[in-house]
Protein backbone atom coordinates (compact mmCIF):
# COMPACT_ATOMS: atom_id res chain seq x y z
CA MET A 1 75.92 50.29 41.72
CA GLY A 2 72.38 51.39 41.62
CA ASP A 3 73.05 54.29 39.22
CA SER A 4 75.12 52.43 36.70
CA GLY A 5 72.55 49.56 36.45
CA GLU A 6 69.74 51.99 35.70
CA LYS A 7 71.79 53.75 33.03
CA GLN A 8 72.61 50.42 31.40
CA ASP A 9 68.91 49.45 31.21
CA GLU A 10 68.05 52.86 29.77
CA ALA A 11 70.80 52.58 27.20
CA LEU A 12 69.45 49.21 26.05
CA THR A 13 65.86 50.43 25.55
CA THR A 14 66.55 53.96 24.32
CA PRO A 15 67.82 54.38 20.75
CA ARG A 16 70.54 56.96 20.29
CA TRP A 17 68.57 59.12 17.89
CA ARG A 18 65.42 59.58 20.04
CA ALA A 19 64.79 62.76 21.88
CA VAL A 20 64.81 62.69 25.64
CA ASP A 21 61.05 63.43 25.90
CA GLU A 22 59.92 60.55 23.59
CA PRO A 23 58.78 57.28 25.18
CA ALA A 24 61.01 54.28 24.63
CA VAL A 25 59.74 51.80 22.01
CA LEU A 26 61.15 48.35 21.54
CA ARG A 27 60.44 46.86 18.10
CA LEU A 28 59.69 43.10 17.98
CA HIS A 29 59.39 40.59 15.17
CA VAL A 30 55.83 39.51 14.13
CA GLU A 31 54.90 35.84 14.42
CA ASP A 32 52.24 34.27 12.16
CA LEU A 33 50.14 31.17 12.90
CA SER A 34 49.32 28.67 10.14
CA VAL A 35 46.67 25.98 10.73
CA GLU A 36 46.07 23.06 8.35
CA LYS A 37 43.49 20.28 8.39
CA ALA A 38 44.26 16.72 7.45
CA THR A 39 41.95 13.73 7.12
CA ALA A 40 42.97 10.84 9.34
CA GLU A 41 41.56 7.35 8.92
CA THR A 42 40.44 6.05 12.30
CA GLY A 43 39.22 2.66 11.14
CA ARG A 44 37.39 0.70 8.50
CA VAL A 45 34.00 -0.96 8.48
CA HIS A 46 32.33 -3.57 6.30
CA VAL A 47 28.63 -3.25 5.40
CA SER A 48 26.75 -6.27 4.09
CA THR A 49 23.08 -7.14 3.69
CA HIS A 50 21.22 -10.37 4.18
CA THR A 51 17.67 -11.30 3.23
CA VAL A 52 15.12 -12.35 5.81
CA THR A 53 11.88 -14.09 4.81
CA ARG A 54 8.58 -14.14 6.63
CA GLU A 55 5.16 -15.64 5.94
CA ALA A 56 2.16 -13.37 5.33
CA LEU A 57 -1.50 -14.21 4.78
CA VAL A 58 -3.26 -12.82 1.72
CA ASP A 59 -6.97 -12.42 2.56
CA GLU A 60 -8.96 -10.77 -0.24
CA ASP A 61 -12.41 -11.00 -1.81
CA LEU A 62 -12.24 -11.95 -5.48
CA ALA A 63 -15.11 -11.12 -7.88
CA ARG A 64 -15.99 -13.40 -10.77
CA GLU A 65 -18.61 -12.99 -13.49
CA SER A 66 -20.23 -15.81 -15.39
CA VAL A 67 -23.29 -15.97 -17.63
CA GLU A 68 -26.37 -18.16 -17.53
CA ILE A 69 -27.93 -18.85 -20.89
CA GLU A 70 -31.61 -19.82 -21.08
CA THR A 71 -33.51 -20.55 -24.28
CA VAL A 72 -37.16 -19.40 -24.14
CA LEU A 73 -39.48 -20.79 -26.84
CA VAL A 74 -41.82 -18.08 -28.19
CA GLY A 75 -43.40 -19.29 -31.47
CA ARG A 76 -45.33 -16.09 -32.42
CA PRO A 77 -45.35 -14.36 -35.79
CA VAL A 78 -43.64 -10.94 -36.13
CA ASP A 79 -43.70 -8.38 -38.95
CA THR A 80 -40.10 -7.14 -38.63
CA PHE A 81 -36.86 -8.56 -37.34
CA PRO A 82 -36.73 -7.77 -33.57
CA LYS A 83 -33.67 -5.96 -32.18
CA ILE A 84 -31.46 -7.16 -29.36
CA ARG A 85 -32.79 -5.59 -26.14
CA GLN A 86 -31.94 -5.25 -22.44
CA GLU A 87 -34.49 -5.96 -19.70
CA GLY A 88 -32.90 -5.33 -16.28
CA ASP A 89 -29.78 -7.46 -16.05
CA VAL A 90 -30.91 -9.74 -18.91
CA THR A 91 -29.85 -9.26 -22.54
CA ILE A 92 -32.39 -10.74 -24.98
CA VAL A 93 -31.18 -11.90 -28.41
CA PRO A 94 -34.08 -12.80 -30.78
CA VAL A 95 -33.76 -15.83 -33.07
CA VAL A 96 -36.00 -15.65 -36.17
CA GLU A 97 -36.89 -18.35 -38.65
CA GLU A 98 -38.61 -17.96 -42.02
CA VAL A 99 -41.55 -20.30 -42.33
CA LEU A 100 -43.24 -20.89 -45.70
CA PHE A 101 -46.99 -20.40 -45.75
CA VAL A 102 -49.19 -19.43 -48.60
CA GLU A 103 -47.74 -16.14 -47.69
CA ARG A 104 -44.42 -15.44 -46.11
CA ARG A 105 -44.39 -14.36 -42.43
CA LEU A 106 -41.81 -13.93 -39.72
CA VAL A 107 -42.34 -16.09 -36.68
CA LEU A 108 -40.37 -15.43 -33.52
CA LYS A 109 -39.19 -18.92 -32.83
CA GLU A 110 -37.29 -18.38 -29.58
CA GLU A 111 -35.30 -15.87 -27.50
CA ILE A 112 -32.02 -16.41 -25.81
CA HIS A 113 -31.89 -14.76 -22.39
CA ILE A 114 -28.35 -14.04 -21.14
CA ARG A 115 -28.04 -13.06 -17.48
CA LYS A 116 -24.85 -11.90 -15.75
CA VAL A 117 -24.32 -13.56 -12.40
CA ARG A 118 -21.76 -12.02 -10.02
CA THR A 119 -20.41 -14.07 -7.15
CA THR A 120 -17.87 -13.25 -4.47
CA GLU A 121 -15.67 -15.79 -2.75
CA ARG A 122 -13.02 -15.49 -0.03
CA TYR A 123 -9.47 -16.26 -1.19
CA GLN A 124 -6.65 -16.99 1.26
CA GLU A 125 -3.10 -18.04 0.56
CA ARG A 126 0.16 -18.03 2.53
CA VAL A 127 2.94 -16.17 0.72
CA THR A 128 6.59 -15.57 1.58
CA LEU A 129 7.76 -11.95 1.78
CA ARG A 130 11.43 -10.90 1.91
CA HIS A 131 13.21 -7.85 3.29
CA GLN A 132 16.87 -6.97 3.77
CA GLU A 133 18.79 -5.92 6.85
CA ALA A 134 22.25 -4.28 6.93
CA VAL A 135 25.05 -5.66 9.10
CA VAL A 136 27.98 -3.32 9.87
CA THR A 137 31.17 -4.85 11.29
CA ARG A 138 34.35 -3.02 12.24
CA HIS A 139 37.69 -4.71 11.44
CA GLN A 140 39.43 -5.68 14.72
CA GLU A 141 42.84 -4.17 13.84
CA ASP A 142 41.17 -0.85 13.06
CA MET A 143 39.26 -0.88 16.38
CA ASP A 144 42.57 -1.21 18.25
CA ASN A 145 43.94 1.89 16.45
CA ALA A 146 40.72 3.96 16.47
CA ASP A 147 40.37 6.99 18.75
CA VAL A 148 36.70 6.39 19.66
CA SER A 149 35.38 6.76 23.20
CA SER A 150 32.62 4.45 24.39
CA ALA A 151 30.68 7.42 25.81
CA ASP A 152 30.35 8.98 22.32
CA ASP A 153 29.45 5.72 20.58
CA PRO A 154 28.18 2.94 22.85
CA GLY A 155 27.81 0.52 19.92
CA GLY A 156 31.39 1.02 18.75
CA MET A 157 30.24 1.67 15.16
CA LYS A 158 31.35 5.31 14.75
CA LEU A 159 32.96 5.85 11.35
CA GLY A 160 35.08 8.84 12.35
CA LYS A 161 34.92 12.12 14.19
């Protein structure tokens, strides 16, 4: 039986038209692989914000300017109308009056001295400041169906893989 079994195997793998010296070739069908991606929803989340208020202290120096007005009596005659002048931080505005003599003369009646005074005062006030924080919650029915491991996302807030 040994000879007839070997001849049967050779007859199955050897085509009739091949020469005796050619190696035996068995032709197979080719298989192809097709891969597709699909998006799968693993759960839903809800994101909301809420406003938090806190008190803060405003502590600033505020500058304010005011003027001091002083009238200085002069009473001396002048030949021409004096101009407004600056002496340090004082602005001097001359006030002239015509006085009738046998002849006409200008007499400097008075000067108005205007001085800028700068003061600084501390201002403090409590004010309320607001900021927002986001709160993310996962719907319970989606958490039961989600394929999320606790090692990957300890907080359980993973939106998908």
